[in-house]
Amino acid sequence: MSELRDNNGQKAGKRAGLALSGFLLFGLFIWHFELGDLYGWLKVFHIVAVISWMAGMVYLPRLFVYHAEAELGSVQSDTFKVMERRLLKIIMTPAMLLSWVFGLALAFQLSAFSEFWFWIKFLAVIGMTICHGYFAKAVKSFAADLNKIPARKWRMYNEIPTVLMIIAVIVVVLKPGI
């Protein structure tokens, strides 16, 4: 059964890699042939990547809640391990990296580095990236059956990415000055 899960995970990883490659190739195609506004396309790719990342960032800790309540060694626990690993490796981490790439490209396009709102957003994204790293560490902990954090605490941790995302959205939309 474990071999089947690993094989399915490898296939899913390859499909995700192909999708990401296609996404990047499409972006390069648009840029090379000047098919429209580069800024507009960067913004589209950034928004899609952020949505994908944030979907994982709010779903993964919810999986941790249920996993923390599952009996060690159970089929349910093993299923959560597969789900958590795939979500992190196939969706969240590539989406995070693309969010950074397209976000920084947008910042350069806008010359946003001198803007107050940009640094607030930047700090929120740094916070989300730290949170992502903490969640990645937790995936390894759960995989080794070493999680010590109770479900109740994971419910609280589930809110951190949401709060950081709300801060980022507010400052990008309203662009407050000093």
C-alpha atoms as a PDB file:
ATOM      1  CA  MET A   1       0.000   0.000   0.000  1.00  0.00           C
ATOM      2  CA  SER A   2       2.866   2.353   0.872  1.00  0.00           C
ATOM      3  CA  GLU A   3       4.496   1.761  -2.542  1.00  0.00           C
ATOM      4  CA  LEU A   4       1.222   2.639  -4.275  1.00  0.00           C
ATOM      5  CA  ARG A   5       0.967   5.876  -2.274  1.00  0.00           C
ATOM      6  CA  ASP A   6       4.583   6.792  -3.086  1.00  0.00           C
ATOM      7  CA  ASN A   7       4.010   6.029  -6.775  1.00  0.00           C
ATOM      8  CA  ASN A   8       0.847   8.163  -6.801  1.00  0.00           C
ATOM      9  CA  GLY A   9       2.762  10.921  -5.003  1.00  0.00           C
ATOM     10  CA  GLN A  10       5.526  10.808  -7.609  1.00  0.00           C
ATOM     11  CA  LYS A  11       2.966  11.041 -10.416  1.00  0.00           C
ATOM     12  CA  ALA A  12       1.253  13.967  -8.702  1.00  0.00           C
ATOM     13  CA  GLY A  13       4.632  15.662  -8.195  1.00  0.00           C
ATOM     14  CA  LYS A  14       5.473  15.255 -11.882  1.00  0.00           C
ATOM     15  CA  ARG A  15       2.090  16.684 -12.916  1.00  0.00           C
ATOM     16  CA  ALA A  16       2.581  19.637 -10.574  1.00  0.00           C
ATOM     17  CA  GLY A  17       6.084  20.195 -11.941  1.00  0.00           C
ATOM     18  CA  LEU A  18       4.739  20.132 -15.482  1.00  0.00           C
ATOM     19  CA  ALA A  19       1.992  22.589 -14.552  1.00  0.00           C
ATOM     20  CA  LEU A  20       4.503  24.949 -12.926  1.00  0.00           C
ATOM     21  CA  SER A  21       6.843  24.663 -15.900  1.00  0.00           C
ATOM     22  CA  GLY A  22       3.973  25.430 -18.238  1.00  0.00           C
ATOM     23  CA  PHE A  23       3.008  28.398 -16.084  1.00  0.00           C
ATOM     24  CA  LEU A  24       6.549  29.784 -16.235  1.00  0.00           C
ATOM     25  CA  LEU A  25       6.926  29.074 -19.966  1.00  0.00           C
ATOM     26  CA  PHE A  26       3.653  30.876 -20.632  1.00  0.00           C
ATOM     27  CA  GLY A  27       4.975  33.859 -18.684  1.00  0.00           C
ATOM     28  CA  LEU A  28       8.236  33.857 -20.645  1.00  0.00           C
ATOM     29  CA  PHE A  29       6.282  33.576 -23.900  1.00  0.00           C
ATOM     30  CA  ILE A  30       4.171  36.608 -23.007  1.00  0.00           C
ATOM     31  CA  TRP A  31       7.238  38.581 -21.976  1.00  0.00           C
ATOM     32  CA  HIS A  32       9.303  37.622 -25.024  1.00  0.00           C
ATOM     33  CA  PHE A  33       6.623  38.383 -27.589  1.00  0.00           C
ATOM     34  CA  GLU A  34       5.331  41.416 -25.665  1.00  0.00           C
ATOM     35  CA  LEU A  35       1.772  40.112 -25.633  1.00  0.00           C
ATOM     36  CA  GLY A  36       0.202  42.743 -23.483  1.00  0.00           C
ATOM     37  CA  ASP A  37       1.230  44.587 -20.401  1.00  0.00           C
ATOM     38  CA  LEU A  38       4.068  42.816 -18.532  1.00  0.00           C
ATOM     39  CA  TYR A  39       2.965  44.377 -15.248  1.00  0.00           C
ATOM     40  CA  GLY A  40      -0.566  43.049 -15.735  1.00  0.00           C
ATOM     41  CA  TRP A  41       0.663  39.518 -16.418  1.00  0.00           C
ATOM     42  CA  LEU A  42       3.056  39.609 -13.451  1.00  0.00           C
ATOM     43  CA  LYS A  43       0.136  40.659 -11.284  1.00  0.00           C
ATOM     44  CA  VAL A  44      -2.039  37.805 -12.612  1.00  0.00           C
ATOM     45  CA  PHE A  45       0.672  35.211 -11.951  1.00  0.00           C
ATOM     46  CA  HIS A  46       1.387  36.671  -8.513  1.00  0.00           C
ATOM     47  CA  ILE A  47      -2.288  36.574  -7.500  1.00  0.00           C
ATOM     48  CA  VAL A  48      -2.717  32.977  -8.710  1.00  0.00           C
ATOM     49  CA  ALA A  49       0.442  31.891  -6.852  1.00  0.00           C
ATOM     50  CA  VAL A  50      -0.610  33.688  -3.649  1.00  0.00           C
ATOM     51  CA  ILE A  51      -4.093  32.153  -3.752  1.00  0.00           C
ATOM     52  CA  SER A  52      -2.558  28.686  -4.122  1.00  0.00           C
ATOM     53  CA  TRP A  53      -0.086  29.322  -1.304  1.00  0.00           C
ATOM     54  CA  MET A  54      -2.695  30.736   1.056  1.00  0.00           C
ATOM     55  CA  ALA A  55      -5.121  27.878   0.358  1.00  0.00           C
ATOM     56  CA  GLY A  56      -2.420  25.503   1.580  1.00  0.00           C
ATOM     57  CA  MET A  57      -1.422  27.739   4.477  1.00  0.00           C
ATOM     58  CA  VAL A  58      -4.943  27.639   5.926  1.00  0.00           C
ATOM     59  CA  TYR A  59      -5.621  23.986   5.054  1.00  0.00           C
ATOM     60  CA  LEU A  60      -2.390  22.399   6.342  1.00  0.00           C
ATOM     61  CA  PRO A  61      -2.838  23.434   9.991  1.00  0.00           C
ATOM     62  CA  ARG A  62      -6.428  22.182   9.773  1.00  0.00           C
ATOM     63  CA  LEU A  63      -5.020  18.802   8.723  1.00  0.00           C
ATOM     64  CA  PHE A  64      -2.686  19.046  11.723  1.00  0.00           C
ATOM     65  CA  VAL A  65      -5.713  19.500  14.002  1.00  0.00           C
ATOM     66  CA  TYR A  66      -7.256  16.252  12.770  1.00  0.00           C
ATOM     67  CA  HIS A  67      -3.906  14.459  12.645  1.00  0.00           C
ATOM     68  CA  ALA A  68      -3.128  15.412  16.249  1.00  0.00           C
ATOM     69  CA  GLU A  69      -6.433  13.802  17.251  1.00  0.00           C
ATOM     70  CA  ALA A  70      -5.748  10.586  15.272  1.00  0.00           C
ATOM     71  CA  GLU A  71      -4.314   7.517  16.963  1.00  0.00           C
ATOM     72  CA  LEU A  72      -0.610   6.957  16.235  1.00  0.00           C
ATOM     73  CA  GLY A  73      -0.021   4.220  13.668  1.00  0.00           C
ATOM     74  CA  SER A  74      -3.640   4.194  12.510  1.00  0.00           C
ATOM     75  CA  VAL A  75      -4.711   4.200   8.867  1.00  0.00           C
ATOM     76  CA  GLN A  76      -6.115   7.682   9.466  1.00  0.00           C
ATOM     77  CA  SER A  77      -2.749   8.933  10.753  1.00  0.00           C
ATOM     78  CA  ASP A  78      -0.942   7.426   7.761  1.00  0.00           C
ATOM     79  CA  THR A  79      -3.428   9.071   5.395  1.00  0.00           C
ATOM     80  CA  PHE A  80      -2.844  12.461   7.014  1.00  0.00           C
ATOM     81  CA  LYS A  81       0.923  11.999   6.590  1.00  0.00           C
ATOM     82  CA  VAL A  82       0.494  11.508   2.842  1.00  0.00           C
ATOM     83  CA  MET A  83      -1.929  14.422   2.524  1.00  0.00           C
ATOM     84  CA  GLU A  84       0.318  16.788   4.496  1.00  0.00           C
ATOM     85  CA  ARG A  85       3.464  15.852   2.582  1.00  0.00           C
ATOM     86  CA  ARG A  86       1.800  16.235  -0.824  1.00  0.00           C
ATOM     87  CA  LEU A  87       0.130  19.515   0.065  1.00  0.00           C
ATOM     88  CA  LEU A  88       3.427  20.960   1.263  1.00  0.00           C
ATOM     89  CA  LYS A  89       5.696  19.671  -1.500  1.00  0.00           C
ATOM     90  CA  ILE A  90       3.404  19.754  -4.523  1.00  0.00           C
ATOM     91  CA  ILE A  91       1.294  22.853  -3.900  1.00  0.00           C
ATOM     92  CA  MET A  92       2.470  25.082  -1.066  1.00  0.00           C
ATOM     93  CA  THR A  93       6.230  25.277  -1.554  1.00  0.00           C
ATOM     94  CA  PRO A  94       6.138  25.853  -5.340  1.00  0.00           C
ATOM     95  CA  ALA A  95       3.336  28.406  -4.864  1.00  0.00           C
ATOM     96  CA  MET A  96       5.334  30.186  -2.162  1.00  0.00           C
ATOM     97  CA  LEU A  97       8.400  30.378  -4.401  1.00  0.00           C
ATOM     98  CA  LEU A  98       6.348  31.689  -7.326  1.00  0.00           C
ATOM     99  CA  SER A  99       4.661  34.226  -5.018  1.00  0.00           C
ATOM    100  CA  TRP A 100       8.098  35.542  -4.066  1.00  0.00           C
ATOM    101  CA  VAL A 101       9.400  35.611  -7.653  1.00  0.00           C
ATOM    102  CA  PHE A 102       6.386  37.388  -9.113  1.00  0.00           C
ATOM    103  CA  GLY A 103       5.962  39.613  -6.046  1.00  0.00           C
ATOM    104  CA  LEU A 104       9.541  40.862  -6.229  1.00  0.00           C
ATOM    105  CA  ALA A 105       9.217  41.334  -9.997  1.00  0.00           C
ATOM    106  CA  LEU A 106       6.135  43.473  -9.359  1.00  0.00           C
ATOM    107  CA  ALA A 107       7.975  45.468  -6.693  1.00  0.00           C
ATOM    108  CA  PHE A 108      10.756  46.218  -9.178  1.00  0.00           C
ATOM    109  CA  GLN A 109       8.215  47.157 -11.852  1.00  0.00           C
ATOM    110  CA  LEU A 110       6.518  49.556  -9.432  1.00  0.00           C
ATOM    111  CA  SER A 111       9.709  50.817  -7.784  1.00  0.00           C
ATOM    112  CA  ALA A 112       7.859  50.009  -4.580  1.00  0.00           C
ATOM    113  CA  PHE A 113      10.924  49.661  -2.355  1.00  0.00           C
ATOM    114  CA  SER A 114      10.645  53.270  -1.213  1.00  0.00           C
ATOM    115  CA  GLU A 115       6.958  52.963  -0.293  1.00  0.00           C
ATOM    116  CA  PHE A 116       5.819  52.506   3.315  1.00  0.00           C
ATOM    117  CA  TRP A 117       2.997  50.108   2.382  1.00  0.00           C
ATOM    118  CA  PHE A 118       5.450  47.834   0.573  1.00  0.00           C
ATOM    119  CA  TRP A 119       7.533  47.275   3.711  1.00  0.00           C
ATOM    120  CA  ILE A 120       4.443  46.437   5.767  1.00  0.00           C
ATOM    121  CA  LYS A 121       3.443  43.887   3.122  1.00  0.00           C
ATOM    122  CA  PHE A 122       7.026  42.623   2.960  1.00  0.00           C
ATOM    123  CA  LEU A 123       7.026  42.012   6.730  1.00  0.00           C
ATOM    124  CA  ALA A 124       3.681  40.194   6.471  1.00  0.00           C
ATOM    125  CA  VAL A 125       5.087  37.971   3.696  1.00  0.00           C
ATOM    126  CA  ILE A 126       8.240  37.311   5.738  1.00  0.00           C
ATOM    127  CA  GLY A 127       5.919  36.249   8.574  1.00  0.00           C
ATOM    128  CA  MET A 128       4.004  33.929   6.241  1.00  0.00           C
ATOM    129  CA  THR A 129       7.285  32.453   4.989  1.00  0.00           C
ATOM    130  CA  ILE A 130       8.432  31.800   8.568  1.00  0.00           C
ATOM    131  CA  CYS A 131       5.043  30.233   9.250  1.00  0.00           C
ATOM    132  CA  HIS A 132       5.461  28.078   6.122  1.00  0.00           C
ATOM    133  CA  GLY A 133       8.830  26.879   7.425  1.00  0.00           C
ATOM    134  CA  TYR A 134       7.313  26.065  10.813  1.00  0.00           C
ATOM    135  CA  PHE A 135       4.543  24.091   9.107  1.00  0.00           C
ATOM    136  CA  ALA A 136       7.145  22.240   6.989  1.00  0.00           C
ATOM    137  CA  LYS A 137       8.958  21.272  10.187  1.00  0.00           C
ATOM    138  CA  ALA A 138       5.639  20.092  11.653  1.00  0.00           C
ATOM    139  CA  VAL A 139       4.996  17.891   8.587  1.00  0.00           C
ATOM    140  CA  LYS A 140       8.312  16.143   9.316  1.00  0.00           C
ATOM    141  CA  SER A 141       7.404  15.850  12.986  1.00  0.00           C
ATOM    142  CA  PHE A 142       4.021  14.294  12.202  1.00  0.00           C
ATOM    143  CA  ALA A 143       5.633  11.959   9.626  1.00  0.00           C
ATOM    144  CA  ALA A 144       7.953  10.637  12.342  1.00  0.00           C
ATOM    145  CA  ASP A 145       5.093  10.403  14.879  1.00  0.00           C
ATOM    146  CA  LEU A 146       6.840  13.001  17.050  1.00  0.00           C
ATOM    147  CA  ASN A 147       4.213  15.754  17.179  1.00  0.00           C
ATOM    148  CA  LYS A 148       3.807  17.132  20.703  1.00  0.00           C
ATOM    149  CA  ILE A 149       1.457  20.033  19.881  1.00  0.00           C
ATOM    150  CA  PRO A 150      -2.190  19.428  20.823  1.00  0.00           C
ATOM    151  CA  ALA A 151      -5.048  19.936  18.370  1.00  0.00           C
ATOM    152  CA  ARG A 152      -6.275  22.987  20.302  1.00  0.00           C
ATOM    153  CA  LYS A 153      -2.975  24.791  19.709  1.00  0.00           C
ATOM    154  CA  TRP A 154      -3.024  23.885  15.993  1.00  0.00           C
ATOM    155  CA  ARG A 155      -6.470  25.505  15.810  1.00  0.00           C
ATOM    156  CA  MET A 156      -4.884  28.754  17.037  1.00  0.00           C
ATOM    157  CA  TYR A 157      -1.889  28.435  14.693  1.00  0.00           C
ATOM    158  CA  ASN A 158      -4.385  28.065  11.856  1.00  0.00           C
ATOM    159  CA  GLU A 159      -5.307  31.754  12.246  1.00  0.00           C
ATOM    160  CA  ILE A 160      -1.778  33.188  11.881  1.00  0.00           C
ATOM    161  CA  PRO A 161      -1.525  32.966   8.058  1.00  0.00           C
ATOM    162  CA  THR A 162      -5.026  34.415   7.730  1.00  0.00           C
ATOM    163  CA  VAL A 163      -4.178  37.469   9.837  1.00  0.00           C
ATOM    164  CA  LEU A 164      -0.924  38.028   7.926  1.00  0.00           C
ATOM    165  CA  MET A 165      -2.750  37.693   4.603  1.00  0.00           C
ATOM    166  CA  ILE A 166      -5.376  40.237   5.675  1.00  0.00           C
ATOM    167  CA  ILE A 167      -2.624  42.706   6.606  1.00  0.00           C
ATOM    168  CA  ALA A 168      -0.933  42.209   3.223  1.00  0.00           C
ATOM    169  CA  VAL A 169      -4.186  42.685   1.303  1.00  0.00           C
ATOM    170  CA  ILE A 170      -5.131  45.828   3.227  1.00  0.00           C
ATOM    171  CA  VAL A 171      -1.797  47.553   2.640  1.00  0.00           C
ATOM    172  CA  VAL A 172      -1.644  46.583  -1.044  1.00  0.00           C
ATOM    173  CA  VAL A 173      -5.168  47.806  -1.745  1.00  0.00           C
ATOM    174  CA  LEU A 174      -5.155  50.955   0.407  1.00  0.00           C
ATOM    175  CA  LYS A 175      -1.409  51.767   0.101  1.00  0.00           C
ATOM    176  CA  PRO A 176      -1.190  53.769   3.324  1.00  0.00           C
ATOM    177  CA  GLY A 177       1.596  56.332   3.653  1.00  0.00           C
ATOM    178  CA  ILE A 178       3.461  57.339   6.762  1.00  0.00           C
END
